[in-house]
Amino acid sequence: MGSGSEKPARRRAPGRPLISRALVGLGSNLAHPRRQIARALRALARLPRTRVVDASPNYVSAPVGTRGPQPDYVNAVARLETALGPRALLSRLLAIERRQHRRRDPSGPPKAPRTLDLDLLLFDRRRIHAPGLVVPHPRMHERAFVLKPLSDVAPVATIPGRGLARRALAGARHQRIARTRSHVIS
């Protein structure tokens, strides 16, 4: 598509909402990262017209592309079904980040430590290039901390313009990533 339009990728039955499939990346390296991921998953499950179908295990990885030392990240991927459009979903992801005290400083370093980072990785099989919204997420095909958990919840996921996600993972094998335990919030 590339035009930034948000036309449905699939047709819907009359009177029924269009259900799209979305993959959301979750990451944290501040303020109890495993707890941040668990809280974010619960917040995703409370989104309107959205259902968390699956969530990957948590993985720990070194920061990528940062200046100076930082704590390791905990990452996961959630597979959603949603009647929200991509822009509406992104807006709600940013609201969850804010509720979990994510601070975005436009004048600060782009890869600063964070309590929570939620990325809209894939939305159906669409390509979207609009101000503030790019899908598939840029550079996801280069990052083991995205590709490994994504492959866990969507083994045949295709990155538009790049091919199978699990094939891209083979090219990122040099990046350190290890499964870690999850934090359960009752």
C-alpha atoms as a PDB file:
ATOM      1  CA  MET A   1       0.000   0.000   0.000  1.00  0.00           C
ATOM      2  CA  GLY A   2       2.594   2.555   1.068  1.00  0.00           C
ATOM      3  CA  SER A   3       0.216   5.487   0.784  1.00  0.00           C
ATOM      4  CA  GLY A   4      -0.617   5.740   4.463  1.00  0.00           C
ATOM      5  CA  SER A   5      -4.256   4.912   3.820  1.00  0.00           C
ATOM      6  CA  GLU A   6      -5.964   2.741   6.366  1.00  0.00           C
ATOM      7  CA  LYS A   7      -8.265   0.744   4.094  1.00  0.00           C
ATOM      8  CA  PRO A   8      -9.122  -2.721   5.397  1.00  0.00           C
ATOM      9  CA  ALA A   9      -6.877  -5.531   4.235  1.00  0.00           C
ATOM     10  CA  ARG A  10      -9.841  -7.918   4.262  1.00  0.00           C
ATOM     11  CA  ARG A  11     -13.545  -7.600   3.577  1.00  0.00           C
ATOM     12  CA  ARG A  12     -16.002  -7.741   6.414  1.00  0.00           C
ATOM     13  CA  ALA A  13     -19.447  -9.241   6.558  1.00  0.00           C
ATOM     14  CA  PRO A  14     -22.231  -6.642   6.671  1.00  0.00           C
ATOM     15  CA  GLY A  15     -22.909  -5.549  10.240  1.00  0.00           C
ATOM     16  CA  ARG A  16     -19.756  -7.191  11.614  1.00  0.00           C
ATOM     17  CA  PRO A  17     -16.606  -5.295  12.566  1.00  0.00           C
ATOM     18  CA  LEU A  18     -13.442  -5.943  10.601  1.00  0.00           C
ATOM     19  CA  ILE A  19     -11.058  -7.983  12.709  1.00  0.00           C
ATOM     20  CA  SER A  20      -7.384  -7.428  11.997  1.00  0.00           C
ATOM     21  CA  ARG A  21      -4.360  -9.237  13.279  1.00  0.00           C
ATOM     22  CA  ALA A  22      -1.647  -7.158  14.898  1.00  0.00           C
ATOM     23  CA  LEU A  23       1.695  -8.026  16.438  1.00  0.00           C
ATOM     24  CA  VAL A  24       2.940  -5.713  19.177  1.00  0.00           C
ATOM     25  CA  GLY A  25       6.482  -5.665  20.541  1.00  0.00           C
ATOM     26  CA  LEU A  26       6.955  -5.001  24.257  1.00  0.00           C
ATOM     27  CA  GLY A  27      10.244  -3.931  25.817  1.00  0.00           C
ATOM     28  CA  SER A  28      11.485  -2.537  29.125  1.00  0.00           C
ATOM     29  CA  ASN A  29      14.802  -2.003  30.877  1.00  0.00           C
ATOM     30  CA  LEU A  30      13.765   0.164  33.861  1.00  0.00           C
ATOM     31  CA  ALA A  31      11.642  -0.182  37.007  1.00  0.00           C
ATOM     32  CA  HIS A  32      11.250  -3.974  37.172  1.00  0.00           C
ATOM     33  CA  PRO A  33      11.111  -4.796  33.439  1.00  0.00           C
ATOM     34  CA  ARG A  34       9.334  -8.161  33.775  1.00  0.00           C
ATOM     35  CA  ARG A  35       6.642  -6.486  35.855  1.00  0.00           C
ATOM     36  CA  GLN A  36       6.330  -3.693  33.266  1.00  0.00           C
ATOM     37  CA  ILE A  37       5.793  -6.282  30.498  1.00  0.00           C
ATOM     38  CA  ALA A  38       3.153  -8.135  32.554  1.00  0.00           C
ATOM     39  CA  ARG A  39       1.292  -4.889  33.324  1.00  0.00           C
ATOM     40  CA  ALA A  40       1.395  -3.908  29.646  1.00  0.00           C
ATOM     41  CA  LEU A  41      -0.043  -7.283  28.594  1.00  0.00           C
ATOM     42  CA  ARG A  42      -2.919  -6.797  31.027  1.00  0.00           C
ATOM     43  CA  ALA A  43      -3.491  -3.294  29.637  1.00  0.00           C
ATOM     44  CA  LEU A  44      -3.532  -4.675  26.074  1.00  0.00           C
ATOM     45  CA  ALA A  45      -6.163  -7.214  27.153  1.00  0.00           C
ATOM     46  CA  ARG A  46      -8.377  -4.351  28.366  1.00  0.00           C
ATOM     47  CA  LEU A  47      -8.285  -2.414  25.085  1.00  0.00           C
ATOM     48  CA  PRO A  48     -11.701  -1.976  23.467  1.00  0.00           C
ATOM     49  CA  ARG A  49     -12.587  -4.326  20.609  1.00  0.00           C
ATOM     50  CA  THR A  50      -9.245  -6.083  21.065  1.00  0.00           C
ATOM     51  CA  ARG A  51      -8.243  -9.536  22.233  1.00  0.00           C
ATOM     52  CA  VAL A  52      -4.783 -10.798  23.174  1.00  0.00           C
ATOM     53  CA  VAL A  53      -4.617 -14.118  21.341  1.00  0.00           C
ATOM     54  CA  ASP A  54      -1.125 -15.084  22.485  1.00  0.00           C
ATOM     55  CA  ALA A  55       1.965 -13.671  24.151  1.00  0.00           C
ATOM     56  CA  SER A  56       5.504 -14.916  23.803  1.00  0.00           C
ATOM     57  CA  PRO A  57       7.753 -15.817  26.679  1.00  0.00           C
ATOM     58  CA  ASN A  58       9.974 -13.010  27.926  1.00  0.00           C
ATOM     59  CA  TYR A  59      13.491 -12.702  26.550  1.00  0.00           C
ATOM     60  CA  VAL A  60      16.429 -10.733  27.888  1.00  0.00           C
ATOM     61  CA  SER A  61      18.810  -9.008  25.479  1.00  0.00           C
ATOM     62  CA  ALA A  62      21.512  -6.382  25.416  1.00  0.00           C
ATOM     63  CA  PRO A  63      20.504  -2.883  24.292  1.00  0.00           C
ATOM     64  CA  VAL A  64      20.986  -2.294  20.551  1.00  0.00           C
ATOM     65  CA  GLY A  65      22.324   0.964  19.100  1.00  0.00           C
ATOM     66  CA  THR A  66      22.671   2.798  22.408  1.00  0.00           C
ATOM     67  CA  ARG A  67      25.257   5.306  23.546  1.00  0.00           C
ATOM     68  CA  GLY A  68      26.800   4.335  26.844  1.00  0.00           C
ATOM     69  CA  PRO A  69      25.926   1.493  29.178  1.00  0.00           C
ATOM     70  CA  GLN A  70      22.330   0.562  29.898  1.00  0.00           C
ATOM     71  CA  PRO A  71      20.600  -2.293  31.699  1.00  0.00           C
ATOM     72  CA  ASP A  72      19.550  -5.266  29.588  1.00  0.00           C
ATOM     73  CA  TYR A  73      16.066  -5.242  28.091  1.00  0.00           C
ATOM     74  CA  VAL A  74      13.240  -7.675  28.673  1.00  0.00           C
ATOM     75  CA  ASN A  75      11.218  -8.175  25.476  1.00  0.00           C
ATOM     76  CA  ALA A  76       8.116 -10.039  24.365  1.00  0.00           C
ATOM     77  CA  VAL A  77       5.585  -9.976  21.522  1.00  0.00           C
ATOM     78  CA  ALA A  78       1.790 -10.083  21.804  1.00  0.00           C
ATOM     79  CA  ARG A  79      -0.482 -11.312  19.022  1.00  0.00           C
ATOM     80  CA  LEU A  80      -3.757  -9.384  18.932  1.00  0.00           C
ATOM     81  CA  GLU A  81      -7.061  -9.524  17.114  1.00  0.00           C
ATOM     82  CA  THR A  82      -8.607  -6.087  16.965  1.00  0.00           C
ATOM     83  CA  ALA A  83     -11.366  -4.084  15.352  1.00  0.00           C
ATOM     84  CA  LEU A  84      -9.289  -0.932  15.910  1.00  0.00           C
ATOM     85  CA  GLY A  85      -7.499   0.587  12.944  1.00  0.00           C
ATOM     86  CA  PRO A  86      -3.703   0.867  12.997  1.00  0.00           C
ATOM     87  CA  ARG A  87      -3.641   4.534  14.014  1.00  0.00           C
ATOM     88  CA  ALA A  88      -6.216   3.999  16.801  1.00  0.00           C
ATOM     89  CA  LEU A  89      -4.263   0.997  18.065  1.00  0.00           C
ATOM     90  CA  LEU A  90      -0.999   2.957  18.032  1.00  0.00           C
ATOM     91  CA  SER A  91      -2.662   5.772  19.960  1.00  0.00           C
ATOM     92  CA  ARG A  92      -3.727   3.320  22.652  1.00  0.00           C
ATOM     93  CA  LEU A  93      -0.248   1.775  22.783  1.00  0.00           C
ATOM     94  CA  LEU A  94       1.241   5.213  23.426  1.00  0.00           C
ATOM     95  CA  ALA A  95      -1.351   5.821  26.162  1.00  0.00           C
ATOM     96  CA  ILE A  96      -0.324   2.567  27.876  1.00  0.00           C
ATOM     97  CA  GLU A  97       3.316   3.678  27.712  1.00  0.00           C
ATOM     98  CA  ARG A  98       2.417   6.998  29.360  1.00  0.00           C
ATOM     99  CA  ARG A  99       0.444   5.266  32.117  1.00  0.00           C
ATOM    100  CA  GLN A 100       3.530   3.181  32.828  1.00  0.00           C
ATOM    101  CA  HIS A 101       5.631   6.352  33.091  1.00  0.00           C
ATOM    102  CA  ARG A 102       7.360   6.236  29.709  1.00  0.00           C
ATOM    103  CA  ARG A 103       8.967   9.608  29.073  1.00  0.00           C
ATOM    104  CA  ARG A 104       9.664  10.633  25.503  1.00  0.00           C
ATOM    105  CA  ASP A 105      12.176  13.466  25.302  1.00  0.00           C
ATOM    106  CA  PRO A 106      12.538  14.687  21.690  1.00  0.00           C
ATOM    107  CA  SER A 107      15.796  16.444  22.613  1.00  0.00           C
ATOM    108  CA  GLY A 108      17.200  13.394  24.447  1.00  0.00           C
ATOM    109  CA  PRO A 109      19.012  10.380  23.022  1.00  0.00           C
ATOM    110  CA  PRO A 110      16.774   8.222  20.804  1.00  0.00           C
ATOM    111  CA  LYS A 111      17.718   4.950  22.518  1.00  0.00           C
ATOM    112  CA  ALA A 112      17.381   6.059  26.143  1.00  0.00           C
ATOM    113  CA  PRO A 113      16.435   3.530  28.842  1.00  0.00           C
ATOM    114  CA  ARG A 114      12.673   3.174  29.254  1.00  0.00           C
ATOM    115  CA  THR A 115      10.042   1.759  31.541  1.00  0.00           C
ATOM    116  CA  LEU A 116       8.050   0.532  28.559  1.00  0.00           C
ATOM    117  CA  ASP A 117       8.270   0.532  24.793  1.00  0.00           C
ATOM    118  CA  LEU A 118       5.293  -0.726  22.787  1.00  0.00           C
ATOM    119  CA  ASP A 119       5.791  -1.033  19.033  1.00  0.00           C
ATOM    120  CA  LEU A 120       3.192  -1.857  16.402  1.00  0.00           C
ATOM    121  CA  LEU A 121       5.285  -4.365  14.466  1.00  0.00           C
ATOM    122  CA  LEU A 122       2.795  -5.774  11.958  1.00  0.00           C
ATOM    123  CA  PHE A 123      -0.834  -5.032  11.130  1.00  0.00           C
ATOM    124  CA  ASP A 124      -2.310  -7.735   8.929  1.00  0.00           C
ATOM    125  CA  ARG A 125      -0.037  -7.812   5.881  1.00  0.00           C
ATOM    126  CA  ARG A 126      -0.152  -4.091   5.356  1.00  0.00           C
ATOM    127  CA  ARG A 127       2.537  -1.582   4.604  1.00  0.00           C
ATOM    128  CA  ILE A 128       1.800   1.817   6.095  1.00  0.00           C
ATOM    129  CA  HIS A 129       3.976   4.907   5.683  1.00  0.00           C
ATOM    130  CA  ALA A 130       2.258   7.831   7.362  1.00  0.00           C
ATOM    131  CA  PRO A 131       3.467  10.557   9.725  1.00  0.00           C
ATOM    132  CA  GLY A 132       4.073   8.894  13.086  1.00  0.00           C
ATOM    133  CA  LEU A 133       3.144   5.415  11.839  1.00  0.00           C
ATOM    134  CA  VAL A 134       5.327   3.019   9.870  1.00  0.00           C
ATOM    135  CA  VAL A 135       4.331  -0.640   9.512  1.00  0.00           C
ATOM    136  CA  PRO A 136       6.099  -2.999   9.340  1.00  0.00           C
ATOM    137  CA  HIS A 137       8.197  -1.523  12.107  1.00  0.00           C
ATOM    138  CA  PRO A 138      11.540  -0.303  10.706  1.00  0.00           C
ATOM    139  CA  ARG A 139      14.536  -2.535  11.431  1.00  0.00           C
ATOM    140  CA  MET A 140      12.424  -5.251  13.062  1.00  0.00           C
ATOM    141  CA  HIS A 141      13.881  -7.666  10.508  1.00  0.00           C
ATOM    142  CA  GLU A 142      17.380  -7.033  11.958  1.00  0.00           C
ATOM    143  CA  ARG A 143      16.598  -7.538  15.643  1.00  0.00           C
ATOM    144  CA  ALA A 144      16.634 -10.889  17.389  1.00  0.00           C
ATOM    145  CA  PHE A 145      14.815  -9.386  20.388  1.00  0.00           C
ATOM    146  CA  VAL A 146      11.829  -8.806  18.076  1.00  0.00           C
ATOM    147  CA  LEU A 147      12.141 -11.786  15.747  1.00  0.00           C
ATOM    148  CA  LYS A 148      12.516 -14.566  18.329  1.00  0.00           C
ATOM    149  CA  PRO A 149       9.411 -13.716  20.404  1.00  0.00           C
ATOM    150  CA  LEU A 150       7.497 -12.893  17.205  1.00  0.00           C
ATOM    151  CA  SER A 151       8.346 -16.336  15.823  1.00  0.00           C
ATOM    152  CA  ASP A 152       7.067 -17.896  19.051  1.00  0.00           C
ATOM    153  CA  VAL A 153       3.562 -16.421  18.671  1.00  0.00           C
ATOM    154  CA  ALA A 154       3.365 -16.293  14.867  1.00  0.00           C
ATOM    155  CA  PRO A 155       5.685 -18.964  13.399  1.00  0.00           C
ATOM    156  CA  VAL A 156       4.682 -18.213   9.803  1.00  0.00           C
ATOM    157  CA  ALA A 157       4.537 -14.419  10.125  1.00  0.00           C
ATOM    158  CA  THR A 158       5.680 -12.595   7.031  1.00  0.00           C
ATOM    159  CA  ILE A 159       7.266  -9.165   7.154  1.00  0.00           C
ATOM    160  CA  PRO A 160       5.931  -7.338   4.078  1.00  0.00           C
ATOM    161  CA  GLY A 161       8.779  -6.737   1.667  1.00  0.00           C
ATOM    162  CA  ARG A 162      11.159  -8.935   3.702  1.00  0.00           C
ATOM    163  CA  GLY A 163       9.722 -12.446   3.849  1.00  0.00           C
ATOM    164  CA  LEU A 164       9.341 -14.886   6.724  1.00  0.00           C
ATOM    165  CA  ALA A 165      10.283 -13.489  10.119  1.00  0.00           C
ATOM    166  CA  ARG A 166      11.917 -16.734  11.203  1.00  0.00           C
ATOM    167  CA  ARG A 167      14.243 -16.571   8.190  1.00  0.00           C
ATOM    168  CA  ALA A 168      15.265 -13.050   9.172  1.00  0.00           C
ATOM    169  CA  LEU A 169      16.021 -14.414  12.647  1.00  0.00           C
ATOM    170  CA  ALA A 170      18.790 -16.559  11.166  1.00  0.00           C
ATOM    171  CA  GLY A 171      20.550 -13.343  10.097  1.00  0.00           C
ATOM    172  CA  ALA A 172      20.393 -11.974  13.641  1.00  0.00           C
ATOM    173  CA  ARG A 173      21.756 -15.067  15.414  1.00  0.00           C
ATOM    174  CA  HIS A 174      24.877 -13.150  16.517  1.00  0.00           C
ATOM    175  CA  GLN A 175      22.746 -10.997  18.858  1.00  0.00           C
ATOM    176  CA  ARG A 176      22.595 -12.191  22.470  1.00  0.00           C
ATOM    177  CA  ILE A 177      19.071 -13.168  23.516  1.00  0.00           C
ATOM    178  CA  ALA A 178      17.950 -15.607  26.202  1.00  0.00           C
ATOM    179  CA  ARG A 179      14.584 -16.688  27.476  1.00  0.00           C
ATOM    180  CA  THR A 180      13.800 -15.439  30.974  1.00  0.00           C
ATOM    181  CA  ARG A 181      10.941 -15.981  33.368  1.00  0.00           C
ATOM    182  CA  SER A 182       7.741 -14.010  33.213  1.00  0.00           C
ATOM    183  CA  HIS A 183       6.264 -11.946  36.001  1.00  0.00           C
ATOM    184  CA  VAL A 184       2.704 -12.904  36.831  1.00  0.00           C
ATOM    185  CA  ILE A 185       0.379 -10.271  38.245  1.00  0.00           C
ATOM    186  CA  SER A 186      -2.625 -11.751  39.990  1.00  0.00           C
END
